Amino acid sequence: MKRHLSFVVVAGWGLLNGVLLTVLAVYGENTLTYWLWGGVVVLLELAAGLVLASSRSGPDQHVRYRVPDRAAGAVVPAAFGFLLIALAFVYGWWLLALAGPLLLVAAALAARGTTAREE
């Protein structure tokens, strides 16, 4: 099942929506809501089937990706850090306590450089 992890993600999303549809049924929601949400669950499970068929017919997934630049590993922590800084203007300055360490990690990765094992 390791090869078909993408199928598990899409199918799990569909099952989670099925559970939420059941919760709506317990609380007695409108009939139109059942049809709409049920349609989404069916479409998600059909998409999961298509993802499974696609992953079985295609080659194995890549295990390791090469990073073209030594400091490219710093992009993701820096992006999340700047996102938290932007959200701090809306949700409060306490988010800066989370953004600071992320930006420090990004700076360390940029300075040290990270790549796949060099040959």
C-alpha atoms as a PDB file:
ATOM      1  CA  MET A   1       0.000   0.000   0.000  1.00  0.00           C
ATOM      2  CA  LYS A   2       3.057   2.273   0.257  1.00  0.00           C
ATOM      3  CA  ARG A   3       3.004   2.695  -3.507  1.00  0.00           C
ATOM      4  CA  HIS A   4      -0.643   3.773  -3.519  1.00  0.00           C
ATOM      5  CA  LEU A   5      -0.524   6.314  -0.711  1.00  0.00           C
ATOM      6  CA  SER A   6      -2.260   8.952  -2.828  1.00  0.00           C
ATOM      7  CA  PHE A   7      -5.277   6.648  -3.146  1.00  0.00           C
ATOM      8  CA  VAL A   8      -5.438   6.297   0.631  1.00  0.00           C
ATOM      9  CA  VAL A   9      -5.436  10.081   1.072  1.00  0.00           C
ATOM     10  CA  VAL A  10      -8.287  10.686  -1.398  1.00  0.00           C
ATOM     11  CA  ALA A  11     -10.323   7.710  -0.171  1.00  0.00           C
ATOM     12  CA  GLY A  12      -9.794   8.804   3.443  1.00  0.00           C
ATOM     13  CA  TRP A  13     -11.030  12.273   2.578  1.00  0.00           C
ATOM     14  CA  GLY A  14     -14.153  10.732   1.065  1.00  0.00           C
ATOM     15  CA  LEU A  15     -14.710   8.544   4.123  1.00  0.00           C
ATOM     16  CA  LEU A  16     -14.309  11.529   6.433  1.00  0.00           C
ATOM     17  CA  ASN A  17     -16.962  13.369   4.438  1.00  0.00           C
ATOM     18  CA  GLY A  18     -19.165  10.270   4.742  1.00  0.00           C
ATOM     19  CA  VAL A  19     -18.805  10.436   8.526  1.00  0.00           C
ATOM     20  CA  LEU A  20     -19.714  14.128   8.463  1.00  0.00           C
ATOM     21  CA  LEU A  21     -22.757  13.294   6.337  1.00  0.00           C
ATOM     22  CA  THR A  22     -23.769  10.764   8.982  1.00  0.00           C
ATOM     23  CA  VAL A  23     -23.440  13.443  11.670  1.00  0.00           C
ATOM     24  CA  LEU A  24     -25.714  15.691   9.613  1.00  0.00           C
ATOM     25  CA  ALA A  25     -28.232  12.858   9.348  1.00  0.00           C
ATOM     26  CA  VAL A  26     -28.191  12.362  13.127  1.00  0.00           C
ATOM     27  CA  TYR A  27     -28.994  16.029  13.663  1.00  0.00           C
ATOM     28  CA  GLY A  28     -31.790  15.989  11.067  1.00  0.00           C
ATOM     29  CA  GLU A  29     -30.578  18.300   8.343  1.00  0.00           C
ATOM     30  CA  ASN A  30     -32.425  19.336   5.184  1.00  0.00           C
ATOM     31  CA  THR A  31     -32.907  16.709   2.421  1.00  0.00           C
ATOM     32  CA  LEU A  32     -31.122  18.886  -0.137  1.00  0.00           C
ATOM     33  CA  THR A  33     -28.081  18.899   2.112  1.00  0.00           C
ATOM     34  CA  TYR A  34     -28.027  15.094   2.096  1.00  0.00           C
ATOM     35  CA  TRP A  35     -28.130  15.017  -1.694  1.00  0.00           C
ATOM     36  CA  LEU A  36     -25.423  17.627  -2.117  1.00  0.00           C
ATOM     37  CA  TRP A  37     -23.070  16.205   0.503  1.00  0.00           C
ATOM     38  CA  GLY A  38     -23.738  12.650  -0.632  1.00  0.00           C
ATOM     39  CA  GLY A  39     -22.878  13.689  -4.170  1.00  0.00           C
ATOM     40  CA  VAL A  40     -19.568  15.070  -2.936  1.00  0.00           C
ATOM     41  CA  VAL A  41     -18.825  11.792  -1.143  1.00  0.00           C
ATOM     42  CA  VAL A  42     -19.589   9.809  -4.300  1.00  0.00           C
ATOM     43  CA  LEU A  43     -17.411  12.114  -6.415  1.00  0.00           C
ATOM     44  CA  LEU A  44     -14.539  11.826  -3.946  1.00  0.00           C
ATOM     45  CA  GLU A  45     -14.711   8.052  -3.958  1.00  0.00           C
ATOM     46  CA  LEU A  46     -14.823   8.043  -7.774  1.00  0.00           C
ATOM     47  CA  ALA A  47     -11.762  10.296  -7.763  1.00  0.00           C
ATOM     48  CA  ALA A  48     -10.082   7.861  -5.360  1.00  0.00           C
ATOM     49  CA  GLY A  49     -10.771   5.037  -7.809  1.00  0.00           C
ATOM     50  CA  LEU A  50      -9.270   7.070 -10.636  1.00  0.00           C
ATOM     51  CA  VAL A  51      -6.198   7.862  -8.542  1.00  0.00           C
ATOM     52  CA  LEU A  52      -5.783   4.167  -7.732  1.00  0.00           C
ATOM     53  CA  ALA A  53      -6.082   3.200 -11.410  1.00  0.00           C
ATOM     54  CA  SER A  54      -3.609   5.914 -12.369  1.00  0.00           C
ATOM     55  CA  SER A  55      -1.064   4.907  -9.730  1.00  0.00           C
ATOM     56  CA  ARG A  56      -1.278   1.241 -10.712  1.00  0.00           C
ATOM     57  CA  SER A  57      -0.754   1.958 -14.389  1.00  0.00           C
ATOM     58  CA  GLY A  58       2.077   4.466 -13.894  1.00  0.00           C
ATOM     59  CA  PRO A  59       5.647   4.008 -12.709  1.00  0.00           C
ATOM     60  CA  ASP A  60       6.661   3.855  -9.069  1.00  0.00           C
ATOM     61  CA  GLN A  61       6.692   7.106  -7.176  1.00  0.00           C
ATOM     62  CA  HIS A  62       9.969   8.871  -6.612  1.00  0.00           C
ATOM     63  CA  VAL A  63      11.530   8.305  -3.252  1.00  0.00           C
ATOM     64  CA  ARG A  64      13.944  11.220  -3.211  1.00  0.00           C
ATOM     65  CA  TYR A  65      13.930  14.515  -5.022  1.00  0.00           C
ATOM     66  CA  ARG A  66      17.107  16.371  -5.756  1.00  0.00           C
ATOM     67  CA  VAL A  67      17.148  19.992  -4.704  1.00  0.00           C
ATOM     68  CA  PRO A  68      18.838  22.117  -7.378  1.00  0.00           C
ATOM     69  CA  ASP A  69      20.202  24.721  -4.981  1.00  0.00           C
ATOM     70  CA  ARG A  70      21.889  24.104  -1.649  1.00  0.00           C
ATOM     71  CA  ALA A  71      19.745  26.671   0.185  1.00  0.00           C
ATOM     72  CA  ALA A  72      16.421  25.652  -1.384  1.00  0.00           C
ATOM     73  CA  GLY A  73      15.479  23.665   1.733  1.00  0.00           C
ATOM     74  CA  ALA A  74      14.955  26.968   3.545  1.00  0.00           C
ATOM     75  CA  VAL A  75      12.063  28.029   1.332  1.00  0.00           C
ATOM     76  CA  VAL A  76       9.277  26.090   3.081  1.00  0.00           C
ATOM     77  CA  PRO A  77      10.089  27.133   6.689  1.00  0.00           C
ATOM     78  CA  ALA A  78      10.613  30.728   5.531  1.00  0.00           C
ATOM     79  CA  ALA A  79       7.262  30.727   3.718  1.00  0.00           C
ATOM     80  CA  PHE A  80       5.435  29.450   6.800  1.00  0.00           C
ATOM     81  CA  GLY A  81       7.274  31.958   8.974  1.00  0.00           C
ATOM     82  CA  PHE A  82       6.265  34.880   6.770  1.00  0.00           C
ATOM     83  CA  LEU A  83       2.715  33.527   6.608  1.00  0.00           C
ATOM     84  CA  LEU A  84       2.566  33.543  10.401  1.00  0.00           C
ATOM     85  CA  ILE A  85       3.877  37.110  10.451  1.00  0.00           C
ATOM     86  CA  ALA A  86       1.108  38.152   8.056  1.00  0.00           C
ATOM     87  CA  LEU A  87      -1.496  36.318  10.140  1.00  0.00           C
ATOM     88  CA  ALA A  88      -0.194  38.058  13.266  1.00  0.00           C
ATOM     89  CA  PHE A  89      -1.670  41.320  11.983  1.00  0.00           C
ATOM     90  CA  VAL A  90      -5.104  39.694  11.976  1.00  0.00           C
ATOM     91  CA  TYR A  91      -5.060  37.180  14.830  1.00  0.00           C
ATOM     92  CA  GLY A  92      -2.644  38.764  17.274  1.00  0.00           C
ATOM     93  CA  TRP A  93       0.997  39.313  17.962  1.00  0.00           C
ATOM     94  CA  TRP A  94       1.357  36.003  19.790  1.00  0.00           C
ATOM     95  CA  LEU A  95       1.881  34.365  16.380  1.00  0.00           C
ATOM     96  CA  LEU A  96       5.266  36.081  16.224  1.00  0.00           C
ATOM     97  CA  ALA A  97       6.410  33.628  18.902  1.00  0.00           C
ATOM     98  CA  LEU A  98       5.778  30.852  16.375  1.00  0.00           C
ATOM     99  CA  ALA A  99       7.146  32.720  13.367  1.00  0.00           C
ATOM    100  CA  GLY A 100      10.484  33.579  15.005  1.00  0.00           C
ATOM    101  CA  PRO A 101      11.769  30.009  15.427  1.00  0.00           C
ATOM    102  CA  LEU A 102      10.609  29.094  11.912  1.00  0.00           C
ATOM    103  CA  LEU A 103      12.542  31.992  10.446  1.00  0.00           C
ATOM    104  CA  LEU A 104      15.593  31.006  12.493  1.00  0.00           C
ATOM    105  CA  VAL A 105      15.378  27.461  11.116  1.00  0.00           C
ATOM    106  CA  ALA A 106      15.068  28.875   7.607  1.00  0.00           C
ATOM    107  CA  ALA A 107      18.116  31.075   8.147  1.00  0.00           C
ATOM    108  CA  ALA A 108      20.118  28.111   9.460  1.00  0.00           C
ATOM    109  CA  LEU A 109      19.118  25.973   6.486  1.00  0.00           C
ATOM    110  CA  ALA A 110      20.003  28.760   4.082  1.00  0.00           C
ATOM    111  CA  ALA A 111      23.393  29.257   5.700  1.00  0.00           C
ATOM    112  CA  ARG A 112      24.269  25.570   6.015  1.00  0.00           C
ATOM    113  CA  GLY A 113      22.697  24.395   2.798  1.00  0.00           C
ATOM    114  CA  THR A 114      20.790  21.162   2.363  1.00  0.00           C
ATOM    115  CA  THR A 115      20.856  18.791  -0.570  1.00  0.00           C
ATOM    116  CA  ALA A 116      20.449  15.140  -1.168  1.00  0.00           C
ATOM    117  CA  ARG A 117      23.520  13.025  -0.514  1.00  0.00           C
ATOM    118  CA  GLU A 118      26.255  14.270  -2.823  1.00  0.00           C
ATOM    119  CA  GLU A 119      27.989  11.674  -4.943  1.00  0.00           C
END
